[in-house]
């Protein structure tokens, strides 16, 4: 089995490493191209969060620096498709 031999974990980490490197090369500005993987994880994937509870609800407030907030919004707008509610009546497929 793949999970018992350790190849599954190794494959996961190789895929994660390749994903972070491609993110760095394609989307980060020039001054961030010298960042290591640990730095990318620290700046882009680790977010400071304030946890609090009100009545029966738990609230997590994410604290993002203003400069990175603009970058995240642009990244999400570029890579996550905008879809309306429900199923599309006709699905269009790019021919290119």
N, C-alpha and C. Protein backbone atom coordinates (compact mmCIF):
# COMPACT_ATOMS: atom_id res chain seq x y z
N UNK A 1 0.84 -1.19 0.00
CA UNK A 1 0.00 0.00 0.00
C UNK A 1 0.87 1.25 0.00
N UNK A 2 0.37 2.30 -0.61
CA UNK A 2 1.13 3.54 -0.72
C UNK A 2 1.27 4.23 0.64
N UNK A 3 0.21 4.25 1.43
CA UNK A 3 0.24 4.96 2.71
C UNK A 3 1.22 4.34 3.70
N UNK A 4 1.35 3.03 3.69
CA UNK A 4 2.23 2.37 4.66
C UNK A 4 3.69 2.51 4.29
N UNK A 5 3.99 2.61 3.03
CA UNK A 5 5.39 2.68 2.63
C UNK A 5 5.96 4.08 2.76
N UNK A 6 5.12 5.08 2.96
CA UNK A 6 5.62 6.44 3.09
C UNK A 6 5.65 7.20 1.78
N UNK A 7 5.37 6.53 0.67
CA UNK A 7 5.38 7.21 -0.62
C UNK A 7 4.25 8.21 -0.76
N UNK A 8 3.13 7.96 -0.08
CA UNK A 8 2.00 8.89 -0.14
C UNK A 8 2.36 10.23 0.47
N UNK A 9 3.01 10.21 1.63
CA UNK A 9 3.42 11.47 2.27
C UNK A 9 4.46 12.19 1.43
N UNK A 10 5.39 11.44 0.90
CA UNK A 10 6.44 12.02 0.08
C UNK A 10 5.84 12.68 -1.17
N UNK A 11 4.88 12.01 -1.79
CA UNK A 11 4.22 12.55 -2.97
C UNK A 11 3.45 13.83 -2.62
N UNK A 12 2.80 13.85 -1.45
CA UNK A 12 2.07 15.04 -1.02
C UNK A 12 3.03 16.22 -0.85
N UNK A 13 4.16 16.00 -0.18
CA UNK A 13 5.09 17.10 0.06
C UNK A 13 5.76 17.58 -1.21
N UNK A 14 6.01 16.69 -2.14
CA UNK A 14 6.58 17.10 -3.44
C UNK A 14 5.57 17.95 -4.20
N UNK A 15 4.30 17.55 -4.18
CA UNK A 15 3.26 18.33 -4.85
C UNK A 15 3.08 19.69 -4.18
N UNK A 16 3.10 19.74 -2.85
CA UNK A 16 2.97 21.01 -2.14
C UNK A 16 4.15 21.93 -2.44
N UNK A 17 5.36 21.38 -2.46
CA UNK A 17 6.55 22.16 -2.76
C UNK A 17 6.47 22.73 -4.18
N UNK A 18 6.08 21.91 -5.14
CA UNK A 18 5.97 22.38 -6.52
C UNK A 18 4.89 23.45 -6.66
N UNK A 19 3.79 23.31 -5.93
CA UNK A 19 2.74 24.32 -5.96
C UNK A 19 3.23 25.66 -5.42
N UNK A 20 3.96 25.63 -4.30
CA UNK A 20 4.47 26.87 -3.72
C UNK A 20 5.52 27.52 -4.61
N UNK A 21 6.37 26.72 -5.24
CA UNK A 21 7.37 27.28 -6.16
C UNK A 21 6.69 27.92 -7.37
N UNK A 22 5.66 27.27 -7.91
CA UNK A 22 4.96 27.86 -9.05
C UNK A 22 4.23 29.13 -8.64
N UNK A 23 3.67 29.17 -7.44
CA UNK A 23 3.04 30.39 -6.93
C UNK A 23 4.07 31.51 -6.84
N UNK A 24 5.25 31.19 -6.35
CA UNK A 24 6.30 32.19 -6.22
C UNK A 24 6.71 32.74 -7.58
N UNK A 25 6.95 31.87 -8.53
CA UNK A 25 7.44 32.28 -9.84
C UNK A 25 6.37 33.05 -10.62
N UNK A 26 5.13 32.59 -10.56
CA UNK A 26 4.09 33.19 -11.39
C UNK A 26 3.44 34.43 -10.81
N UNK A 27 3.27 34.49 -9.49
CA UNK A 27 2.43 35.54 -8.92
C UNK A 27 3.10 36.50 -7.95
N UNK A 28 4.22 36.15 -7.37
CA UNK A 28 4.82 37.06 -6.40
C UNK A 28 5.61 38.16 -7.11
N UNK A 29 5.67 39.35 -6.51
CA UNK A 29 6.43 40.44 -7.13
C UNK A 29 7.94 40.14 -7.15
N UNK A 30 8.68 40.95 -7.89
CA UNK A 30 10.12 40.72 -8.07
C UNK A 30 10.90 40.73 -6.76
N UNK A 31 10.52 41.59 -5.82
CA UNK A 31 11.26 41.65 -4.56
C UNK A 31 11.02 40.42 -3.68
N UNK A 32 10.01 39.61 -4.00
CA UNK A 32 9.73 38.40 -3.22
C UNK A 32 10.23 37.13 -3.90
N UNK A 33 10.92 37.25 -5.02
CA UNK A 33 11.40 36.07 -5.74
C UNK A 33 12.53 35.34 -5.01
N UNK A 34 13.20 36.03 -4.10
CA UNK A 34 14.29 35.39 -3.37
C UNK A 34 13.80 34.66 -2.10
N UNK A 35 12.50 34.67 -1.85
CA UNK A 35 11.97 34.02 -0.66
C UNK A 35 12.15 32.51 -0.73
N UNK A 36 12.42 31.91 0.44
CA UNK A 36 12.46 30.46 0.57
C UNK A 36 11.05 29.94 0.79
N UNK A 37 10.88 28.63 0.75
CA UNK A 37 9.56 28.03 0.96
C UNK A 37 9.02 28.36 2.35
N UNK A 38 9.89 28.34 3.35
CA UNK A 38 9.47 28.66 4.71
C UNK A 38 8.95 30.09 4.80
N UNK A 39 9.58 31.01 4.09
CA UNK A 39 9.14 32.41 4.09
C UNK A 39 7.80 32.55 3.38
N UNK A 40 7.61 31.83 2.29
CA UNK A 40 6.32 31.88 1.59
C UNK A 40 5.21 31.36 2.50
N UNK A 41 5.46 30.26 3.18
CA UNK A 41 4.47 29.71 4.11
C UNK A 41 4.17 30.72 5.21
N UNK A 42 5.21 31.35 5.74
CA UNK A 42 5.03 32.32 6.83
C UNK A 42 4.21 33.52 6.38
N UNK A 43 4.51 34.07 5.20
CA UNK A 43 3.85 35.29 4.76
C UNK A 43 2.49 35.06 4.11
N UNK A 44 2.31 33.94 3.41
CA UNK A 44 1.08 33.76 2.65
C UNK A 44 0.10 32.76 3.24
N UNK A 45 0.57 31.77 3.96
CA UNK A 45 -0.32 30.74 4.45
C UNK A 45 -0.59 30.81 5.95
N UNK A 46 0.23 31.51 6.69
CA UNK A 46 0.03 31.65 8.12
C UNK A 46 -0.59 33.00 8.40
N UNK A 47 -1.77 33.00 8.98
CA UNK A 47 -2.47 34.25 9.26
C UNK A 47 -2.69 34.40 10.76
N UNK A 48 -2.45 35.60 11.28
CA UNK A 48 -2.78 35.84 12.70
C UNK A 48 -4.29 35.93 12.87
N UNK A 49 -4.80 35.20 13.85
CA UNK A 49 -6.24 35.14 14.06
C UNK A 49 -6.54 35.44 15.52
N UNK A 50 -7.59 36.21 15.75
CA UNK A 50 -8.08 36.47 17.09
C UNK A 50 -9.37 35.68 17.27
N UNK A 51 -9.40 34.80 18.26
CA UNK A 51 -10.58 33.98 18.52
C UNK A 51 -11.36 34.55 19.70
N UNK A 52 -12.67 34.60 19.54
CA UNK A 52 -13.53 35.04 20.64
C UNK A 52 -14.86 34.29 20.52
N UNK A 53 -15.60 34.26 21.61
CA UNK A 53 -16.90 33.60 21.58
C UNK A 53 -17.96 34.58 22.06
N UNK A 54 -19.08 34.58 21.35
CA UNK A 54 -20.22 35.42 21.68
C UNK A 54 -21.45 34.53 21.71
N UNK A 55 -22.08 34.46 22.86
CA UNK A 55 -23.26 33.63 23.05
C UNK A 55 -22.94 32.19 22.65
N UNK A 56 -23.56 31.69 21.60
CA UNK A 56 -23.29 30.32 21.16
C UNK A 56 -22.37 30.25 19.95
N UNK A 57 -21.82 31.37 19.55
CA UNK A 57 -21.01 31.41 18.33
C UNK A 57 -19.54 31.67 18.65
N UNK A 58 -18.69 31.05 17.90
CA UNK A 58 -17.26 31.32 17.97
C UNK A 58 -16.89 32.17 16.77
N UNK A 59 -16.14 33.23 17.01
CA UNK A 59 -15.78 34.17 15.95
C UNK A 59 -14.26 34.18 15.80
N UNK A 60 -13.81 34.07 14.57
CA UNK A 60 -12.38 34.18 14.26
C UNK A 60 -12.18 35.41 13.40
N UNK A 61 -11.41 36.37 13.90
CA UNK A 61 -11.11 37.58 13.14
C UNK A 61 -9.70 37.45 12.59
N UNK A 62 -9.60 37.49 11.28
CA UNK A 62 -8.31 37.34 10.62
C UNK A 62 -7.70 38.73 10.44
N UNK A 63 -6.47 38.88 10.89
CA UNK A 63 -5.76 40.16 10.81
C UNK A 63 -4.75 40.08 9.66
N UNK A 64 -5.05 40.76 8.55
CA UNK A 64 -4.19 40.75 7.37
C UNK A 64 -3.66 42.15 7.14
N UNK A 65 -2.36 42.30 6.89
CA UNK A 65 -1.83 43.63 6.56
C UNK A 65 -2.48 44.18 5.30
N UNK A 66 -2.65 45.49 5.24
CA UNK A 66 -3.37 46.12 4.14
C UNK A 66 -2.72 45.84 2.79
N UNK A 67 -1.41 45.82 2.72
CA UNK A 67 -0.73 45.56 1.46
C UNK A 67 -0.99 44.16 0.93
N UNK A 68 -1.04 43.17 1.82
CA UNK A 68 -1.27 41.79 1.39
C UNK A 68 -2.73 41.55 1.08
N UNK A 69 -3.62 42.33 1.69
CA UNK A 69 -5.04 42.15 1.42
C UNK A 69 -5.35 42.43 -0.05
N UNK A 70 -4.75 43.47 -0.60
CA UNK A 70 -4.94 43.80 -2.01
C UNK A 70 -4.41 42.66 -2.89
N UNK A 71 -3.25 42.11 -2.53
CA UNK A 71 -2.67 41.02 -3.32
C UNK A 71 -3.57 39.79 -3.28
N UNK A 72 -4.09 39.45 -2.09
CA UNK A 72 -4.98 38.28 -1.97
C UNK A 72 -6.24 38.46 -2.81
N UNK A 73 -6.82 39.67 -2.78
CA UNK A 73 -8.03 39.91 -3.57
C UNK A 73 -7.76 39.76 -5.05
N UNK A 74 -6.63 40.29 -5.52
CA UNK A 74 -6.28 40.16 -6.93
C UNK A 74 -6.03 38.70 -7.28
N UNK A 75 -5.38 37.94 -6.39
CA UNK A 75 -5.10 36.53 -6.62
C UNK A 75 -6.40 35.74 -6.72
N UNK A 76 -7.33 35.99 -5.81
CA UNK A 76 -8.61 35.29 -5.82
C UNK A 76 -9.40 35.65 -7.07
N UNK A 77 -9.42 36.93 -7.45
CA UNK A 77 -10.14 37.34 -8.66
C UNK A 77 -9.56 36.69 -9.91
N UNK A 78 -8.25 36.48 -9.92
CA UNK A 78 -7.60 35.91 -11.10
C UNK A 78 -7.81 34.40 -11.20
N UNK A 79 -7.75 33.68 -10.09
CA UNK A 79 -7.72 32.22 -10.15
C UNK A 79 -9.02 31.52 -9.77
N UNK A 80 -9.94 32.20 -9.11
CA UNK A 80 -11.19 31.55 -8.73
C UNK A 80 -12.30 32.11 -9.62
N UNK A 81 -12.96 31.25 -10.38
CA UNK A 81 -13.97 31.72 -11.33
C UNK A 81 -15.19 32.28 -10.61
N UNK A 82 -15.79 33.27 -11.23
CA UNK A 82 -17.02 33.87 -10.71
C UNK A 82 -18.21 33.10 -11.30
N UNK A 83 -19.07 32.63 -10.46
CA UNK A 83 -20.23 31.88 -10.94
C UNK A 83 -21.48 32.43 -10.28
N UNK A 84 -22.56 32.40 -11.04
CA UNK A 84 -23.84 32.82 -10.50
C UNK A 84 -24.48 31.64 -9.78
N UNK A 85 -25.53 31.90 -9.03
CA UNK A 85 -26.21 30.85 -8.29
C UNK A 85 -26.89 29.89 -9.25
N UNK A 86 -26.94 28.63 -8.86
CA UNK A 86 -27.62 27.62 -9.67
C UNK A 86 -26.75 27.08 -10.78
N UNK A 87 -27.32 26.18 -11.55
CA UNK A 87 -26.60 25.59 -12.68
C UNK A 87 -26.73 26.49 -13.89
N UNK A 88 -25.69 26.58 -14.70
CA UNK A 88 -25.81 27.37 -15.92
C UNK A 88 -26.75 26.70 -16.92
N UNK A 89 -27.52 27.51 -17.66
CA UNK A 89 -28.44 26.96 -18.65
C UNK A 89 -27.66 26.31 -19.78
N UNK A 90 -26.61 26.99 -20.23
CA UNK A 90 -25.75 26.47 -21.30
C UNK A 90 -24.33 26.61 -20.84
N UNK A 91 -23.59 25.53 -20.93
CA UNK A 91 -22.19 25.57 -20.51
C UNK A 91 -21.32 25.84 -21.72
N UNK A 92 -20.47 26.87 -21.62
CA UNK A 92 -19.59 27.21 -22.73
C UNK A 92 -18.21 26.65 -22.45
N UNK A 93 -17.56 26.14 -23.49
CA UNK A 93 -16.24 25.56 -23.38
C UNK A 93 -15.32 26.31 -24.34
N UNK A 94 -14.15 26.71 -23.84
CA UNK A 94 -13.19 27.39 -24.71
C UNK A 94 -12.65 26.40 -25.72
N UNK A 95 -12.51 26.85 -26.96
CA UNK A 95 -11.98 25.97 -27.99
C UNK A 95 -10.48 26.03 -28.07
N UNK A 96 -9.86 27.02 -27.44
CA UNK A 96 -8.40 27.17 -27.52
C UNK A 96 -7.69 26.32 -26.51
